PDB file of N, CA and C in Angstrom:
ATOM      1  N   ARG A   1    -197.033  28.372 -52.495  1.00  0.00           N
ATOM      2  CA  ARG A   1    -195.434  27.176 -53.077  1.00  0.00           C
ATOM      3  C   ARG A   1    -194.236  27.336 -54.046  1.00  0.00           C
ATOM      4  N   ALA A   2    -193.365  27.172 -53.767  1.00  0.00           N
ATOM      5  CA  ALA A   2    -192.120  27.589 -54.601  1.00  0.00           C
ATOM      6  C   ALA A   2    -191.936  26.696 -55.667  1.00  0.00           C
ATOM      7  N   ALA A   3    -191.783  26.967 -56.767  1.00  0.00           N
ATOM      8  CA  ALA A   3    -191.838  26.137 -58.085  1.00  0.00           C
ATOM      9  C   ALA A   3    -191.479  24.899 -57.790  1.00  0.00           C
ATOM     10  N   ARG A   4    -191.490  23.848 -58.552  1.00  0.00           N
ATOM     11  CA  ARG A   4    -191.498  22.567 -58.449  1.00  0.00           C
ATOM     12  C   ARG A   4    -189.617  22.379 -58.616  1.00  0.00           C
ATOM     13  N   SER A   5    -188.949  22.605 -59.557  1.00  0.00           N
ATOM     14  CA  SER A   5    -187.609  22.671 -59.665  1.00  0.00           C
ATOM     15  C   SER A   5    -186.667  23.262 -58.413  1.00  0.00           C
ATOM     16  N   THR A   6    -187.168  23.984 -57.490  1.00  0.00           N
ATOM     17  CA  THR A   6    -186.607  24.669 -56.538  1.00  0.00           C
ATOM     18  C   THR A   6    -186.558  23.688 -55.001  1.00  0.00           C
ATOM     19  N   ARG A   7    -187.949  22.677 -55.637  1.00  0.00           N
ATOM     20  CA  ARG A   7    -188.300  21.821 -54.371  1.00  0.00           C
ATOM     21  C   ARG A   7    -187.691  20.434 -54.705  1.00  0.00           C
ATOM     22  N   THR A   8    -186.972  20.453 -55.373  1.00  0.00           N
ATOM     23  CA  THR A   8    -186.209  19.414 -56.110  1.00  0.00           C
ATOM     24  C   THR A   8    -185.206  19.043 -55.685  1.00  0.00           C
ATOM     25  N   ILE A   9    -184.499  17.457 -55.457  1.00  0.00           N
ATOM     26  CA  ILE A   9    -183.033  17.782 -55.322  1.00  0.00           C
ATOM     27  C   ILE A   9    -182.770  16.228 -55.790  1.00  0.00           C
ATOM     28  N   VAL A  10    -181.201  16.071 -56.458  1.00  0.00           N
ATOM     29  CA  VAL A  10    -180.941  15.029 -57.377  1.00  0.00           C
ATOM     30  C   VAL A  10    -180.294  13.807 -56.326  1.00  0.00           C
ATOM     31  N   ILE A  11    -180.602  12.874 -56.698  1.00  0.00           N
ATOM     32  CA  ILE A  11    -180.069  11.789 -55.792  1.00  0.00           C
ATOM     33  C   ILE A  11    -178.932  10.619 -56.313  1.00  0.00           C
ATOM     34  N   ALA A  12    -177.804  10.890 -56.437  1.00  0.00           N
ATOM     35  CA  ALA A  12    -176.761   9.994 -57.256  1.00  0.00           C
ATOM     36  C   ALA A  12    -176.192   8.571 -55.721  1.00  0.00           C
ATOM     37  N   GLY A  13    -176.146   7.799 -56.792  1.00  0.00           N
ATOM     38  CA  GLY A  13    -175.522   6.435 -56.027  1.00  0.00           C
ATOM     39  C   GLY A  13    -176.421   5.774 -55.500  1.00  0.00           C
ATOM     40  N   VAL A  14    -177.569   6.016 -56.111  1.00  0.00           N
ATOM     41  CA  VAL A  14    -178.915   4.682 -55.764  1.00  0.00           C
ATOM     42  C   VAL A  14    -178.214   3.341 -56.007  1.00  0.00           C
ATOM     43  N   PRO A  15    -178.093   2.252 -54.987  1.00  0.00           N
ATOM     44  CA  PRO A  15    -178.119   1.068 -55.742  1.00  0.00           C
ATOM     45  C   PRO A  15    -179.183   0.539 -56.904  1.00  0.00           C
ATOM     46  N   ALA A  16    -178.521   0.337 -57.898  1.00  0.00           N
ATOM     47  CA  ALA A  16    -179.585   0.049 -58.897  1.00  0.00           C
ATOM     48  C   ALA A  16    -179.678  -1.602 -58.773  1.00  0.00           C
ATOM     49  N   GLY A  17    -180.968  -2.215 -59.330  1.00  0.00           N
ATOM     50  CA  GLY A  17    -180.904  -3.211 -59.749  1.00  0.00           C
ATOM     51  C   GLY A  17    -180.905  -4.506 -58.239  1.00  0.00           C
ATOM     52  N   LEU A  18    -180.660  -3.794 -57.071  1.00  0.00           N
ATOM     53  CA  LEU A  18    -181.073  -4.481 -55.789  1.00  0.00           C
ATOM     54  C   LEU A  18    -182.008  -5.217 -55.402  1.00  0.00           C
ATOM     55  N   LEU A  19    -183.297  -4.204 -55.778  1.00  0.00           N
ATOM     56  CA  LEU A  19    -184.415  -4.256 -55.101  1.00  0.00           C
ATOM     57  C   LEU A  19    -185.460  -3.986 -56.176  1.00  0.00           C
ATOM     58  N   GLN A  20    -186.676  -4.010 -55.879  1.00  0.00           N
ATOM     59  CA  GLN A  20    -187.576  -3.750 -56.980  1.00  0.00           C
ATOM     60  C   GLN A  20    -187.570  -1.956 -57.012  1.00  0.00           C
ATOM     61  N   ASP A  21    -188.529  -1.454 -58.579  1.00  0.00           N
ATOM     62  CA  ASP A  21    -188.034   0.168 -58.180  1.00  0.00           C
ATOM     63  C   ASP A  21    -188.917   0.934 -57.443  1.00  0.00           C
ATOM     64  N   ASP A  22    -189.971  -0.286 -57.022  1.00  0.00           N
ATOM     65  CA  ASP A  22    -191.348   0.530 -56.350  1.00  0.00           C
ATOM     66  C   ASP A  22    -190.620   0.599 -54.505  1.00  0.00           C
ATOM     67  N   VAL A  23    -189.611  -0.902 -54.620  1.00  0.00           N
ATOM     68  CA  VAL A  23    -189.531  -0.955 -52.812  1.00  0.00           C
ATOM     69  C   VAL A  23    -188.108   0.646 -52.717  1.00  0.00           C
ATOM     70  N   MET A  24    -187.496   0.465 -53.969  1.00  0.00           N
ATOM     71  CA  MET A  24    -186.423   1.381 -53.768  1.00  0.00           C
ATOM     72  C   MET A  24    -186.911   2.776 -53.550  1.00  0.00           C
ATOM     73  N   ALA A  25    -187.968   3.313 -54.623  1.00  0.00           N
ATOM     74  CA  ALA A  25    -188.849   4.688 -53.879  1.00  0.00           C
ATOM     75  C   ALA A  25    -188.810   4.327 -52.431  1.00  0.00           C
ATOM     76  N   ASP A  26    -189.608   4.056 -51.975  1.00  0.00           N
ATOM     77  CA  ASP A  26    -189.960   4.072 -51.321  1.00  0.00           C
ATOM     78  C   ASP A  26    -188.854   3.963 -49.819  1.00  0.00           C
ATOM     79  N   ILE A  27    -188.256   3.036 -50.741  1.00  0.00           N
ATOM     80  CA  ILE A  27    -186.703   3.210 -49.256  1.00  0.00           C
ATOM     81  C   ILE A  27    -185.890   5.241 -49.141  1.00  0.00           C
ATOM     82  N   LEU A  28    -185.953   5.586 -49.950  1.00  0.00           N
ATOM     83  CA  LEU A  28    -185.845   6.369 -50.220  1.00  0.00           C
ATOM     84  C   LEU A  28    -186.591   7.817 -49.754  1.00  0.00           C
ATOM     85  N   THR A  29    -187.729   7.532 -50.025  1.00  0.00           N
ATOM     86  CA  THR A  29    -188.951   8.480 -49.093  1.00  0.00           C
ATOM     87  C   THR A  29    -188.816   8.583 -47.928  1.00  0.00           C
ATOM     88  N   ILE A  30    -188.854   7.108 -47.352  1.00  0.00           N
ATOM     89  CA  ILE A  30    -188.346   7.189 -45.702  1.00  0.00           C
ATOM     90  C   ILE A  30    -187.589   7.769 -45.395  1.00  0.00           C
ATOM     91  N   HIS A  31    -185.707   7.680 -46.162  1.00  0.00           N
ATOM     92  CA  HIS A  31    -184.648   7.986 -45.964  1.00  0.00           C
ATOM     93  C   HIS A  31    -185.019   9.888 -46.092  1.00  0.00           C
ATOM     94  N   PHE A  32    -185.574  10.390 -46.671  1.00  0.00           N
ATOM     95  CA  PHE A  32    -185.898  11.653 -47.153  1.00  0.00           C
ATOM     96  C   PHE A  32    -186.397  12.340 -46.043  1.00  0.00           C
ATOM     97  N   GLN A  33    -187.829  11.620 -45.245  1.00  0.00           N
ATOM     98  CA  GLN A  33    -188.572  12.683 -44.675  1.00  0.00           C
ATOM     99  C   GLN A  33    -187.965  12.096 -42.982  1.00  0.00           C
ATOM    100  N   MET A  34    -187.081  11.222 -42.644  1.00  0.00           N
ATOM    101  CA  MET A  34    -186.632  11.192 -41.081  1.00  0.00           C
ATOM    102  C   MET A  34    -186.060  13.002 -40.974  1.00  0.00           C
ATOM    103  N   SER A  35    -186.214  13.114 -39.849  1.00  0.00           N
ATOM    104  CA  SER A  35    -185.628  14.464 -39.155  1.00  0.00           C
ATOM    105  C   SER A  35    -184.089  14.289 -38.689  1.00  0.00           C
ATOM    106  N   ARG A  36    -183.363  12.678 -38.692  1.00  0.00           N
ATOM    107  CA  ARG A  36    -182.234  12.659 -38.676  1.00  0.00           C
ATOM    108  C   ARG A  36    -181.205  12.606 -39.860  1.00  0.00           C
ATOM    109  N   ASN A  37    -182.034  13.177 -41.203  1.00  0.00           N
ATOM    110  CA  ASN A  37    -181.042  13.233 -41.795  1.00  0.00           C
ATOM    111  C   ASN A  37    -182.061  14.785 -42.690  1.00  0.00           C
ATOM    112  N   ASN A  38    -182.225  15.702 -42.006  1.00  0.00           N
ATOM    113  CA  ASN A  38    -182.664  16.504 -41.757  1.00  0.00           C
ATOM    114  C   ASN A  38    -183.779  17.193 -43.029  1.00  0.00           C
ATOM    115  N   GLY A  39    -184.366  15.598 -43.098  1.00  0.00           N
ATOM    116  CA  GLY A  39    -185.713  15.901 -44.046  1.00  0.00           C
ATOM    117  C   GLY A  39    -187.062  15.862 -43.680  1.00  0.00           C
ATOM    118  N   GLY A  40    -187.729  16.151 -44.704  1.00  0.00           N
ATOM    119  CA  GLY A  40    -189.388  16.837 -44.474  1.00  0.00           C
ATOM    120  C   GLY A  40    -190.287  15.658 -45.150  1.00  0.00           C
ATOM    121  N   ASP A  41    -191.476  16.602 -45.210  1.00  0.00           N
ATOM    122  CA  ASP A  41    -192.678  15.757 -46.058  1.00  0.00           C
ATOM    123  C   ASP A  41    -192.136  16.013 -47.591  1.00  0.00           C
ATOM    124  N   VAL A  42    -192.276  14.471 -48.321  1.00  0.00           N
ATOM    125  CA  VAL A  42    -191.636  14.450 -49.371  1.00  0.00           C
ATOM    126  C   VAL A  42    -192.977  14.208 -50.398  1.00  0.00           C
ATOM    127  N   GLU A  43    -193.165  14.937 -51.259  1.00  0.00           N
ATOM    128  CA  GLU A  43    -193.874  15.357 -52.260  1.00  0.00           C
ATOM    129  C   GLU A  43    -193.592  14.124 -53.068  1.00  0.00           C
ATOM    130  N   GLU A  44    -192.863  13.785 -53.729  1.00  0.00           N
ATOM    131  CA  GLU A  44    -192.843  12.936 -54.831  1.00  0.00           C
ATOM    132  C   GLU A  44    -191.408  12.271 -54.885  1.00  0.00           C
ATOM    133  N   VAL A  45    -191.037  11.082 -55.376  1.00  0.00           N
ATOM    134  CA  VAL A  45    -189.546  10.534 -55.226  1.00  0.00           C
ATOM    135  C   VAL A  45    -189.571   9.891 -57.003  1.00  0.00           C
ATOM    136  N   THR A  46    -188.916  10.113 -57.692  1.00  0.00           N
ATOM    137  CA  THR A  46    -188.781   9.701 -59.132  1.00  0.00           C
ATOM    138  C   THR A  46    -188.032   8.716 -59.537  1.00  0.00           C
ATOM    139  N   TYR A  47    -188.848   7.501 -59.704  1.00  0.00           N
ATOM    140  CA  TYR A  47    -187.185   6.227 -59.444  1.00  0.00           C
ATOM    141  C   TYR A  47    -187.852   5.411 -59.507  1.00  0.00           C
ATOM    142  N   PRO A  48    -187.634   4.851 -61.089  1.00  0.00           N
ATOM    143  CA  PRO A  48    -185.889   4.851 -61.806  1.00  0.00           C
ATOM    144  C   PRO A  48    -186.123   6.422 -62.768  1.00  0.00           C
ATOM    145  N   THR A  49    -185.125   6.733 -62.981  1.00  0.00           N
ATOM    146  CA  THR A  49    -184.780   7.570 -64.069  1.00  0.00           C
ATOM    147  C   THR A  49    -184.428   6.890 -65.323  1.00  0.00           C
ATOM    148  N   ARG A  50    -183.897   7.858 -66.248  1.00  0.00           N
ATOM    149  CA  ARG A  50    -183.363   7.145 -67.287  1.00  0.00           C
ATOM    150  C   ARG A  50    -182.102   6.856 -67.091  1.00  0.00           C
ATOM    151  N   ASN A  51    -181.484   7.586 -66.265  1.00  0.00           N
ATOM    152  CA  ASN A  51    -180.098   7.459 -65.850  1.00  0.00           C
ATOM    153  C   ASN A  51    -180.010   5.869 -64.781  1.00  0.00           C
ATOM    154  N   ALA A  52    -179.292   5.455 -65.018  1.00  0.00           N
ATOM    155  CA  ALA A  52    -179.154   4.413 -63.797  1.00  0.00           C
ATOM    156  C   ALA A  52    -178.603   4.841 -62.465  1.00  0.00           C
ATOM    157  N   GLY A  53    -179.143   4.803 -61.473  1.00  0.00           N
ATOM    158  CA  GLY A  53    -178.929   4.968 -59.798  1.00  0.00           C
ATOM    159  C   GLY A  53    -178.818   6.399 -59.455  1.00  0.00           C
ATOM    160  N   ILE A  54    -179.598   7.227 -60.436  1.00  0.00           N
ATOM    161  CA  ILE A  54    -180.267   8.493 -60.389  1.00  0.00           C
ATOM    162  C   ILE A  54    -181.616   8.441 -59.879  1.00  0.00           C
ATOM    163  N   ALA A  55    -182.424   9.405 -59.011  1.00  0.00           N
ATOM    164  CA  ALA A  55    -183.173   9.453 -58.610  1.00  0.00           C
ATOM    165  C   ALA A  55    -183.796  10.924 -58.156  1.00  0.00           C
ATOM    166  N   TYR A  56    -184.761  11.026 -58.408  1.00  0.00           N
ATOM    167  CA  TYR A  56    -185.097  12.978 -58.185  1.00  0.00           C
ATOM    168  C   TYR A  56    -186.052  12.731 -56.907  1.00  0.00           C
ATOM    169  N   VAL A  57    -185.973  13.784 -56.014  1.00  0.00           N
ATOM    170  CA  VAL A  57    -186.664  13.736 -54.490  1.00  0.00           C
ATOM    171  C   VAL A  57    -187.514  15.004 -54.541  1.00  0.00           C
ATOM    172  N   THR A  58    -188.951  15.226 -54.119  1.00  0.00           N
ATOM    173  CA  THR A  58    -189.621  16.667 -54.428  1.00  0.00           C
ATOM    174  C   THR A  58    -189.790  16.612 -52.846  1.00  0.00           C
ATOM    175  N   PHE A  59    -189.377  17.708 -52.307  1.00  0.00           N
ATOM    176  CA  PHE A  59    -190.369  18.098 -50.884  1.00  0.00           C
ATOM    177  C   PHE A  59    -191.588  18.890 -51.192  1.00  0.00           C
ATOM    178  N   GLU A  60    -192.122  18.763 -50.157  1.00  0.00           N
ATOM    179  CA  GLU A  60    -193.163  19.756 -50.017  1.00  0.00           C
ATOM    180  C   GLU A  60    -192.920  21.268 -49.781  1.00  0.00           C
ATOM    181  N   ASP A  61    -191.632  21.398 -49.270  1.00  0.00           N
ATOM    182  CA  ASP A  61    -191.546  22.864 -48.711  1.00  0.00           C
ATOM    183  C   ASP A  61    -190.263  22.979 -49.384  1.00  0.00           C
ATOM    184  N   GLN A  62    -189.807  23.977 -49.782  1.00  0.00           N
ATOM    185  CA  GLN A  62    -188.815  24.506 -50.474  1.00  0.00           C
ATOM    186  C   GLN A  62    -187.157  24.719 -49.144  1.00  0.00           C
ATOM    187  N   GLU A  63    -187.554  24.661 -48.209  1.00  0.00           N
ATOM    188  CA  GLU A  63    -186.675  25.043 -46.933  1.00  0.00           C
ATOM    189  C   GLU A  63    -186.536  23.568 -46.607  1.00  0.00           C
ATOM    190  N   VAL A  64    -186.797  22.532 -46.812  1.00  0.00           N
ATOM    191  CA  VAL A  64    -186.844  21.256 -46.478  1.00  0.00           C
ATOM    192  C   VAL A  64    -185.007  20.767 -47.421  1.00  0.00           C
ATOM    193  N   VAL A  65    -185.357  21.608 -48.901  1.00  0.00           N
ATOM    194  CA  VAL A  65    -183.737  21.227 -49.893  1.00  0.00           C
ATOM    195  C   VAL A  65    -183.354  21.729 -48.976  1.00  0.00           C
ATOM    196  N   GLU A  66    -183.144  22.902 -48.533  1.00  0.00           N
ATOM    197  CA  GLU A  66    -181.550  23.566 -47.873  1.00  0.00           C
ATOM    198  C   GLU A  66    -181.144  22.880 -46.545  1.00  0.00           C
ATOM    199  N   ARG A  67    -181.724  22.539 -45.963  1.00  0.00           N
ATOM    200  CA  ARG A  67    -182.047  21.613 -44.890  1.00  0.00           C
ATOM    201  C   ARG A  67    -181.126  20.415 -45.053  1.00  0.00           C
ATOM    202  N   VAL A  68    -181.865  19.123 -45.892  1.00  0.00           N
ATOM    203  CA  VAL A  68    -180.955  18.136 -46.765  1.00  0.00           C
ATOM    204  C   VAL A  68    -179.625  18.306 -47.247  1.00  0.00           C
ATOM    205  N   LEU A  69    -179.622  19.513 -48.038  1.00  0.00           N
ATOM    206  CA  LEU A  69    -178.318  19.925 -48.551  1.00  0.00           C
ATOM    207  C   LEU A  69    -177.184  20.265 -47.879  1.00  0.00           C
ATOM    208  N   LYS A  70    -177.395  20.433 -46.556  1.00  0.00           N
ATOM    209  CA  LYS A  70    -176.466  21.206 -45.567  1.00  0.00           C
ATOM    210  C   LYS A  70    -175.892  19.769 -44.514  1.00  0.00           C
ATOM    211  N   LYS A  71    -176.399  18.481 -44.731  1.00  0.00           N
ATOM    212  CA  LYS A  71    -176.509  17.268 -44.416  1.00  0.00           C
ATOM    213  C   LYS A  71    -174.719  16.997 -45.010  1.00  0.00           C
ATOM    214  N   ASP A  72    -173.269  16.453 -44.342  1.00  0.00           N
ATOM    215  CA  ASP A  72    -172.899  16.353 -44.630  1.00  0.00           C
ATOM    216  C   ASP A  72    -172.579  15.065 -45.092  1.00  0.00           C
ATOM    217  N   GLN A  73    -173.351  13.727 -45.077  1.00  0.00           N
ATOM    218  CA  GLN A  73    -172.952  12.767 -45.637  1.00  0.00           C
ATOM    219  C   GLN A  73    -174.547  11.771 -45.410  1.00  0.00           C
ATOM    220  N   HIS A  74    -175.274  11.785 -46.929  1.00  0.00           N
ATOM    221  CA  HIS A  74    -176.485  10.795 -46.874  1.00  0.00           C
ATOM    222  C   HIS A  74    -176.521   9.476 -46.806  1.00  0.00           C
ATOM    223  N   LEU A  75    -176.246   8.618 -46.251  1.00  0.00           N
ATOM    224  CA  LEU A  75    -176.337   6.812 -46.164  1.00  0.00           C
ATOM    225  C   LEU A  75    -177.528   6.560 -46.024  1.00  0.00           C
ATOM    226  N   LEU A  76    -177.773   5.460 -47.022  1.00  0.00           N
ATOM    227  CA  LEU A  76    -179.065   4.887 -47.337  1.00  0.00           C
ATOM    228  C   LEU A  76    -178.739   3.647 -46.718  1.00  0.00           C
ATOM    229  N   GLN A  77    -179.347   3.613 -46.006  1.00  0.00           N
ATOM    230  CA  GLN A  77    -179.408   2.202 -45.209  1.00  0.00           C
ATOM    231  C   GLN A  77    -181.346   1.921 -44.650  1.00  0.00           C
ATOM    232  N   ASP A  78    -181.403   0.214 -45.238  1.00  0.00           N
ATOM    233  CA  ASP A  78    -182.590  -0.097 -44.929  1.00  0.00           C
ATOM    234  C   ASP A  78    -182.190  -1.489 -44.324  1.00  0.00           C
ATOM    235  N   LYS A  79    -183.013  -2.178 -43.596  1.00  0.00           N
ATOM    236  CA  LYS A  79    -182.794  -3.729 -43.733  1.00  0.00           C
ATOM    237  C   LYS A  79    -182.623  -4.708 -44.905  1.00  0.00           C
ATOM    238  N   ARG A  80    -183.753  -4.114 -45.838  1.00  0.00           N
ATOM    239  CA  ARG A  80    -183.733  -4.783 -47.335  1.00  0.00           C
ATOM    240  C   ARG A  80    -182.042  -4.658 -47.954  1.00  0.00           C
ATOM    241  N   LEU A  81    -181.240  -3.537 -47.989  1.00  0.00           N
ATOM    242  CA  LEU A  81    -180.412  -3.297 -47.946  1.00  0.00           C
ATOM    243  C   LEU A  81    -179.132  -4.247 -47.479  1.00  0.00           C
ATOM    244  N   PRO A  82    -178.690  -4.755 -48.200  1.00  0.00           N
ATOM    245  CA  PRO A  82    -177.241  -5.285 -48.081  1.00  0.00           C
ATOM    246  C   PRO A  82    -176.056  -4.923 -47.108  1.00  0.00           C
ATOM    247  N   ARG A  83    -176.225  -2.934 -47.322  1.00  0.00           N
ATOM    248  CA  ARG A  83    -174.943  -2.181 -46.351  1.00  0.00           C
ATOM    249  C   ARG A  83    -175.544  -1.091 -46.718  1.00  0.00           C
ATOM    250  N   ARG A  84    -175.260  -0.292 -46.023  1.00  0.00           N
ATOM    251  CA  ARG A  84    -175.386   1.060 -46.352  1.00  0.00           C
ATOM    252  C   ARG A  84    -174.735   1.850 -47.695  1.00  0.00           C
ATOM    253  N   PHE A  85    -175.526   2.465 -48.392  1.00  0.00           N
ATOM    254  CA  PHE A  85    -174.893   2.855 -49.871  1.00  0.00           C
ATOM    255  C   PHE A  85    -174.642   4.673 -49.484  1.00  0.00           C
ATOM    256  N   PRO A  86    -173.631   5.095 -49.686  1.00  0.00           N
ATOM    257  CA  PRO A  86    -173.405   6.740 -49.546  1.00  0.00           C
ATOM    258  C   PRO A  86    -174.452   7.504 -50.949  1.00  0.00           C
ATOM    259  N   LEU A  87    -174.471   8.571 -50.466  1.00  0.00           N
ATOM    260  CA  LEU A  87    -175.382   9.081 -51.545  1.00  0.00           C
ATOM    261  C   LEU A  87    -174.995  10.517 -51.835  1.00  0.00           C
ATOM    262  N   THR A  88    -174.725  10.926 -52.834  1.00  0.00           N
ATOM    263  CA  THR A  88    -174.198  12.445 -53.380  1.00  0.00           C
ATOM    264  C   THR A  88    -175.829  12.793 -53.393  1.00  0.00           C
ATOM    265  N   VAL A  89    -176.221  14.344 -53.064  1.00  0.00           N
ATOM    266  CA  VAL A  89    -177.329  14.878 -53.098  1.00  0.00           C
ATOM    267  C   VAL A  89    -176.694  16.698 -53.577  1.00  0.00           C
ATOM    268  N   THR A  90    -177.701  16.401 -54.601  1.00  0.00           N
ATOM    269  CA  THR A  90    -177.400  17.642 -55.307  1.00  0.00           C
ATOM    270  C   THR A  90    -178.571  18.540 -55.637  1.00  0.00           C
ATOM    271  N   ARG A  91    -178.800  20.593 -55.528  1.00  0.00           N
ATOM    272  CA  ARG A  91    -179.911  20.960 -55.856  1.00  0.00           C
ATOM    273  C   ARG A  91    -180.438  20.548 -57.551  1.00  0.00           C
ATOM    274  N   TYR A  92    -181.403  20.534 -57.514  1.00  0.00           N
ATOM    275  CA  TYR A  92    -181.927  20.381 -59.085  1.00  0.00           C
ATOM    276  C   TYR A  92    -181.834  21.349 -60.329  1.00  0.00           C
ATOM    277  N   CYS A  93    -181.192  21.408 -60.731  1.00  0.00           N
ATOM    278  CA  CYS A  93    -180.955  22.245 -62.109  1.00  0.00           C
ATOM    279  C   CYS A  93    -180.307  21.697 -63.366  1.00  0.00           C
ATOM    280  N   ASP A  94    -181.386  22.159 -64.691  1.00  0.00           N
ATOM    281  CA  ASP A  94    -181.078  20.977 -65.583  1.00  0.00           C
ATOM    282  C   ASP A  94    -179.587  21.125 -66.012  1.00  0.00           C
ATOM    283  N   HIS A  95    -178.913  22.185 -65.846  1.00  0.00           N
ATOM    284  CA  HIS A  95    -177.075  21.715 -66.087  1.00  0.00           C
ATOM    285  C   HIS A  95    -176.470  21.157 -65.374  1.00  0.00           C
ATOM    286  N   VAL A  96    -176.744  21.611 -63.612  1.00  0.00           N
ATOM    287  CA  VAL A  96    -176.380  20.447 -62.800  1.00  0.00           C
ATOM    288  C   VAL A  96    -176.579  19.474 -63.272  1.00  0.00           C
ATOM    289  N   SER A  97    -177.620  18.603 -63.059  1.00  0.00           N
ATOM    290  CA  SER A  97    -177.921  17.127 -62.964  1.00  0.00           C
ATOM    291  C   SER A  97    -177.795  16.536 -64.549  1.00  0.00           C
ATOM    292  N   SER A  98    -177.473  17.258 -65.476  1.00  0.00           N
ATOM    293  CA  SER A  98    -176.904  16.718 -66.579  1.00  0.00           C
ATOM    294  C   SER A  98    -175.134  16.473 -66.770  1.00  0.00           C
ATOM    295  N   SER A  99    -174.787  17.583 -66.122  1.00  0.00           N
ATOM    296  CA  SER A  99    -173.127  17.447 -66.159  1.00  0.00           C
ATOM    297  C   SER A  99    -173.195  16.377 -64.704  1.00  0.00           C
ATOM    298  N   LEU A 100    -173.666  16.105 -63.658  1.00  0.00           N
ATOM    299  CA  LEU A 100    -173.483  15.264 -62.999  1.00  0.00           C
ATOM    300  C   LEU A 100    -173.931  13.346 -63.263  1.00  0.00           C
ATOM    301  N   ILE A 101    -174.940  13.371 -64.716  1.00  0.00           N
ATOM    302  CA  ILE A 101    -174.903  12.641 -64.786  1.00  0.00           C
ATOM    303  C   ILE A 101    -173.887  11.632 -65.613  1.00  0.00           C
ATOM    304  N   HIS A 102    -173.082  13.018 -66.088  1.00  0.00           N
ATOM    305  CA  HIS A 102    -172.408  12.577 -67.127  1.00  0.00           C
ATOM    306  C   HIS A 102    -170.557  12.389 -66.336  1.00  0.00           C
ATOM    307  N   LEU A 103    -170.485  12.776 -65.556  1.00  0.00           N
ATOM    308  CA  LEU A 103    -169.576  12.405 -64.411  1.00  0.00           C
ATOM    309  C   LEU A 103    -169.962  10.789 -64.285  1.00  0.00           C
ATOM    310  N   ILE A 104    -170.879  10.576 -63.732  1.00  0.00           N
ATOM    311  CA  ILE A 104    -170.892   9.676 -62.803  1.00  0.00           C
ATOM    312  C   ILE A 104    -170.860   8.099 -64.129  1.00  0.00           C
ATOM    313  N   VAL A 105    -171.751   8.372 -64.894  1.00  0.00           N
ATOM    314  CA  VAL A 105    -171.751   7.816 -66.386  1.00  0.00           C
ATOM    315  C   VAL A 105    -170.161   7.293 -66.901  1.00  0.00           C
ATOM    316  N   LEU A 106    -169.123   8.292 -66.996  1.00  0.00           N
ATOM    317  CA  LEU A 106    -167.673   8.310 -67.681  1.00  0.00           C
ATOM    318  C   LEU A 106    -167.135   7.304 -66.760  1.00  0.00           C
TER     319      LEU A 106
END
């Protein structure tokens, strides 16, 4: 198995405060397991995080990360959400995630 950091992606744009945290984590898990989203087996979803609207998704396989990153647009949709929410998906690394979060906060 590849190192955890290479199997993790950073999700920005998660609608904060609309649903309970565990429900939102479930919705994210379902989204990133679906084949139409280029997804695969999710090992863990970390939500909420210290930064509002940010989640981390760790997959069982690093190959899934590559597929998910290639998808043009991720729209989070679920019957429990009032609308579809566009997500920004990036590869996890300490430098990238902190700069991305900094942009979102500004």
